[in-house]
């Protein structure tokens, strides 16, 4: 289903934007750029219509997935919703964690792989 892929991509884009939110037009452009390639042609107008319908479907009630912002045409993920999908973010400390946890490597204690001699 292409629609479910688009839905997850829309939610992912809005999750990256955070509390700033995004306009429907910019959301459609991002979705178009994510899915258009040399081998697959996309229609920007159809993509914009799909984004508009998705936003309208998912912003009706106060506990919907999306919420309207103060600016006209801007939407964001609803922070009041209890199960807003969040993306796991890794933090790299520039090697500080590696210095705190020493890695024990003994090359001499590695056991050699012993196979039975089948051809003797």
C-alpha atoms as a PDB file:
ATOM      1  CA  UNK A   1       0.000   0.000   0.000  1.00  0.00           C
ATOM      2  CA  UNK A   2       1.483   3.296  -1.089  1.00  0.00           C
ATOM      3  CA  UNK A   3      -0.795   5.235   1.232  1.00  0.00           C
ATOM      4  CA  UNK A   4       0.630   3.693   4.392  1.00  0.00           C
ATOM      5  CA  UNK A   5       4.154   4.511   3.229  1.00  0.00           C
ATOM      6  CA  UNK A   6       3.112   8.105   2.610  1.00  0.00           C
ATOM      7  CA  UNK A   7       1.420   8.240   6.020  1.00  0.00           C
ATOM      8  CA  UNK A   8       4.540   7.104   7.843  1.00  0.00           C
ATOM      9  CA  UNK A   9       6.686   9.501   5.824  1.00  0.00           C
ATOM     10  CA  UNK A  10       4.385  12.421   6.680  1.00  0.00           C
ATOM     11  CA  UNK A  11       4.532  11.543  10.378  1.00  0.00           C
ATOM     12  CA  UNK A  12       8.324  11.216  10.142  1.00  0.00           C
ATOM     13  CA  UNK A  13       8.676  14.640   8.514  1.00  0.00           C
ATOM     14  CA  UNK A  14       6.480  16.256  11.152  1.00  0.00           C
ATOM     15  CA  UNK A  15       8.408  14.475  13.917  1.00  0.00           C
ATOM     16  CA  UNK A  16      11.651  15.984  12.603  1.00  0.00           C
ATOM     17  CA  UNK A  17      10.098  19.445  12.542  1.00  0.00           C
ATOM     18  CA  UNK A  18       9.017  19.185  16.167  1.00  0.00           C
ATOM     19  CA  UNK A  19       7.007  22.013  17.709  1.00  0.00           C
ATOM     20  CA  UNK A  20       7.618  24.377  14.781  1.00  0.00           C
ATOM     21  CA  UNK A  21       5.245  22.430  12.567  1.00  0.00           C
ATOM     22  CA  UNK A  22       5.024  22.744   8.802  1.00  0.00           C
ATOM     23  CA  UNK A  23       2.658  24.052   6.172  1.00  0.00           C
ATOM     24  CA  UNK A  24       0.705  21.624   4.021  1.00  0.00           C
ATOM     25  CA  UNK A  25       2.440  22.938   0.889  1.00  0.00           C
ATOM     26  CA  UNK A  26       5.946  22.377   2.311  1.00  0.00           C
ATOM     27  CA  UNK A  27       4.915  18.982   3.636  1.00  0.00           C
ATOM     28  CA  UNK A  28       3.755  17.996   0.153  1.00  0.00           C
ATOM     29  CA  UNK A  29       7.061  19.177  -1.354  1.00  0.00           C
ATOM     30  CA  UNK A  30       9.072  17.158   1.152  1.00  0.00           C
ATOM     31  CA  UNK A  31       6.958  14.080   0.467  1.00  0.00           C
ATOM     32  CA  UNK A  32       7.338  14.595  -3.283  1.00  0.00           C
ATOM     33  CA  UNK A  33      11.128  14.868  -2.974  1.00  0.00           C
ATOM     34  CA  UNK A  34      11.285  11.724  -0.849  1.00  0.00           C
ATOM     35  CA  UNK A  35       9.374   9.626  -3.389  1.00  0.00           C
ATOM     36  CA  UNK A  36      10.302  11.014  -6.792  1.00  0.00           C
ATOM     37  CA  UNK A  37      13.266   9.435  -8.572  1.00  0.00           C
ATOM     38  CA  UNK A  38      14.627   8.827 -12.050  1.00  0.00           C
ATOM     39  CA  UNK A  39      12.700   5.578 -12.316  1.00  0.00           C
ATOM     40  CA  UNK A  40       9.416   6.623 -10.718  1.00  0.00           C
ATOM     41  CA  UNK A  41       7.446   9.680 -11.769  1.00  0.00           C
ATOM     42  CA  UNK A  42       5.267  11.415  -9.181  1.00  0.00           C
ATOM     43  CA  UNK A  43       2.539  13.993  -9.648  1.00  0.00           C
ATOM     44  CA  UNK A  44       3.061  16.953  -7.296  1.00  0.00           C
ATOM     45  CA  UNK A  45      -0.615  17.938  -7.425  1.00  0.00           C
ATOM     46  CA  UNK A  46      -1.787  14.437  -6.497  1.00  0.00           C
ATOM     47  CA  UNK A  47       0.754  14.388  -3.678  1.00  0.00           C
ATOM     48  CA  UNK A  48      -0.511  17.762  -2.395  1.00  0.00           C
ATOM     49  CA  UNK A  49      -4.115  16.529  -2.460  1.00  0.00           C
ATOM     50  CA  UNK A  50      -3.147  13.391  -0.556  1.00  0.00           C
ATOM     51  CA  UNK A  51      -1.337  15.449   2.106  1.00  0.00           C
ATOM     52  CA  UNK A  52      -4.345  17.762   2.461  1.00  0.00           C
ATOM     53  CA  UNK A  53      -6.710  14.811   2.919  1.00  0.00           C
ATOM     54  CA  UNK A  54      -4.338  13.163   5.417  1.00  0.00           C
ATOM     55  CA  UNK A  55      -4.075  16.366   7.444  1.00  0.00           C
ATOM     56  CA  UNK A  56      -7.847  16.898   7.457  1.00  0.00           C
ATOM     57  CA  UNK A  57      -8.520  13.284   8.475  1.00  0.00           C
ATOM     58  CA  UNK A  58      -5.998  13.366  11.302  1.00  0.00           C
ATOM     59  CA  UNK A  59      -6.667  16.771  12.851  1.00  0.00           C
ATOM     60  CA  UNK A  60     -10.397  16.722  13.645  1.00  0.00           C
ATOM     61  CA  UNK A  61     -10.473  16.113  17.397  1.00  0.00           C
ATOM     62  CA  UNK A  62      -8.295  17.466  20.236  1.00  0.00           C
ATOM     63  CA  UNK A  63      -6.666  14.033  20.647  1.00  0.00           C
ATOM     64  CA  UNK A  64      -5.962  13.481  16.956  1.00  0.00           C
ATOM     65  CA  UNK A  65      -2.519  12.676  15.605  1.00  0.00           C
ATOM     66  CA  UNK A  66      -2.062  16.228  14.251  1.00  0.00           C
ATOM     67  CA  UNK A  67      -3.072  19.619  15.574  1.00  0.00           C
ATOM     68  CA  UNK A  68      -3.534  22.968  13.891  1.00  0.00           C
ATOM     69  CA  UNK A  69      -1.170  25.743  14.768  1.00  0.00           C
ATOM     70  CA  UNK A  70      -1.834  29.451  15.091  1.00  0.00           C
ATOM     71  CA  UNK A  71      -0.679  30.144  11.534  1.00  0.00           C
ATOM     72  CA  UNK A  72      -3.143  29.208   8.830  1.00  0.00           C
ATOM     73  CA  UNK A  73      -2.251  25.983   7.043  1.00  0.00           C
ATOM     74  CA  UNK A  74       0.420  24.896   9.553  1.00  0.00           C
ATOM     75  CA  UNK A  75       0.197  21.589  11.389  1.00  0.00           C
ATOM     76  CA  UNK A  76       2.368  19.629  13.844  1.00  0.00           C
ATOM     77  CA  UNK A  77       2.201  16.381  15.765  1.00  0.00           C
ATOM     78  CA  UNK A  78      -0.161  16.674  18.692  1.00  0.00           C
ATOM     79  CA  UNK A  79       1.903  16.815  21.925  1.00  0.00           C
ATOM     80  CA  UNK A  80      -1.175  15.940  24.045  1.00  0.00           C
ATOM     81  CA  UNK A  81      -1.524  12.604  22.350  1.00  0.00           C
ATOM     82  CA  UNK A  82      -0.096   9.938  24.629  1.00  0.00           C
ATOM     83  CA  UNK A  83       1.383   7.650  21.982  1.00  0.00           C
ATOM     84  CA  UNK A  84       2.974  10.024  19.495  1.00  0.00           C
ATOM     85  CA  UNK A  85       5.537   7.996  17.546  1.00  0.00           C
ATOM     86  CA  UNK A  86       9.032   9.110  18.397  1.00  0.00           C
ATOM     87  CA  UNK A  87      12.206   8.268  16.584  1.00  0.00           C
ATOM     88  CA  UNK A  88      15.126   6.868  18.533  1.00  0.00           C
ATOM     89  CA  UNK A  89      18.016   9.300  18.469  1.00  0.00           C
ATOM     90  CA  UNK A  90      21.553   8.201  19.233  1.00  0.00           C
ATOM     91  CA  UNK A  91      23.923  10.655  20.841  1.00  0.00           C
ATOM     92  CA  UNK A  92      27.595  10.305  20.019  1.00  0.00           C
ATOM     93  CA  UNK A  93      29.859  11.811  22.656  1.00  0.00           C
ATOM     94  CA  UNK A  94      33.011  11.979  20.554  1.00  0.00           C
ATOM     95  CA  UNK A  95      34.670   8.958  22.144  1.00  0.00           C
ATOM     96  CA  UNK A  96      33.965   9.850  25.772  1.00  0.00           C
ATOM     97  CA  UNK A  97      31.899   6.716  26.302  1.00  0.00           C
ATOM     98  CA  UNK A  98      34.694   4.574  24.860  1.00  0.00           C
ATOM     99  CA  UNK A  99      37.164   6.054  27.333  1.00  0.00           C
ATOM    100  CA  UNK A 100      34.857   5.326  30.275  1.00  0.00           C
ATOM    101  CA  UNK A 101      34.248   1.703  29.325  1.00  0.00           C
ATOM    102  CA  UNK A 102      37.528  -0.004  28.400  1.00  0.00           C
ATOM    103  CA  UNK A 103      37.174  -2.807  25.901  1.00  0.00           C
ATOM    104  CA  UNK A 104      39.056  -5.948  26.862  1.00  0.00           C
ATOM    105  CA  UNK A 105      40.589  -7.662  23.876  1.00  0.00           C
ATOM    106  CA  UNK A 106      43.064 -10.467  24.307  1.00  0.00           C
ATOM    107  CA  UNK A 107      44.206 -11.705  20.937  1.00  0.00           C
ATOM    108  CA  UNK A 108      46.302 -14.412  22.586  1.00  0.00           C
ATOM    109  CA  UNK A 109      43.282 -15.949  24.297  1.00  0.00           C
ATOM    110  CA  UNK A 110      41.248 -16.367  21.141  1.00  0.00           C
ATOM    111  CA  UNK A 111      40.603 -20.019  20.520  1.00  0.00           C
ATOM    112  CA  UNK A 112      41.521 -21.462  17.148  1.00  0.00           C
ATOM    113  CA  UNK A 113      38.778 -23.157  15.210  1.00  0.00           C
ATOM    114  CA  UNK A 114      39.482 -26.875  15.174  1.00  0.00           C
ATOM    115  CA  UNK A 115      37.846 -28.917  12.446  1.00  0.00           C
ATOM    116  CA  UNK A 116      38.031 -32.699  12.236  1.00  0.00           C
ATOM    117  CA  UNK A 117      40.292 -33.984   9.527  1.00  0.00           C
ATOM    118  CA  UNK A 118      37.830 -35.493   7.039  1.00  0.00           C
ATOM    119  CA  UNK A 119      40.336 -36.584   4.389  1.00  0.00           C
ATOM    120  CA  UNK A 120      42.821 -38.671   6.412  1.00  0.00           C
END
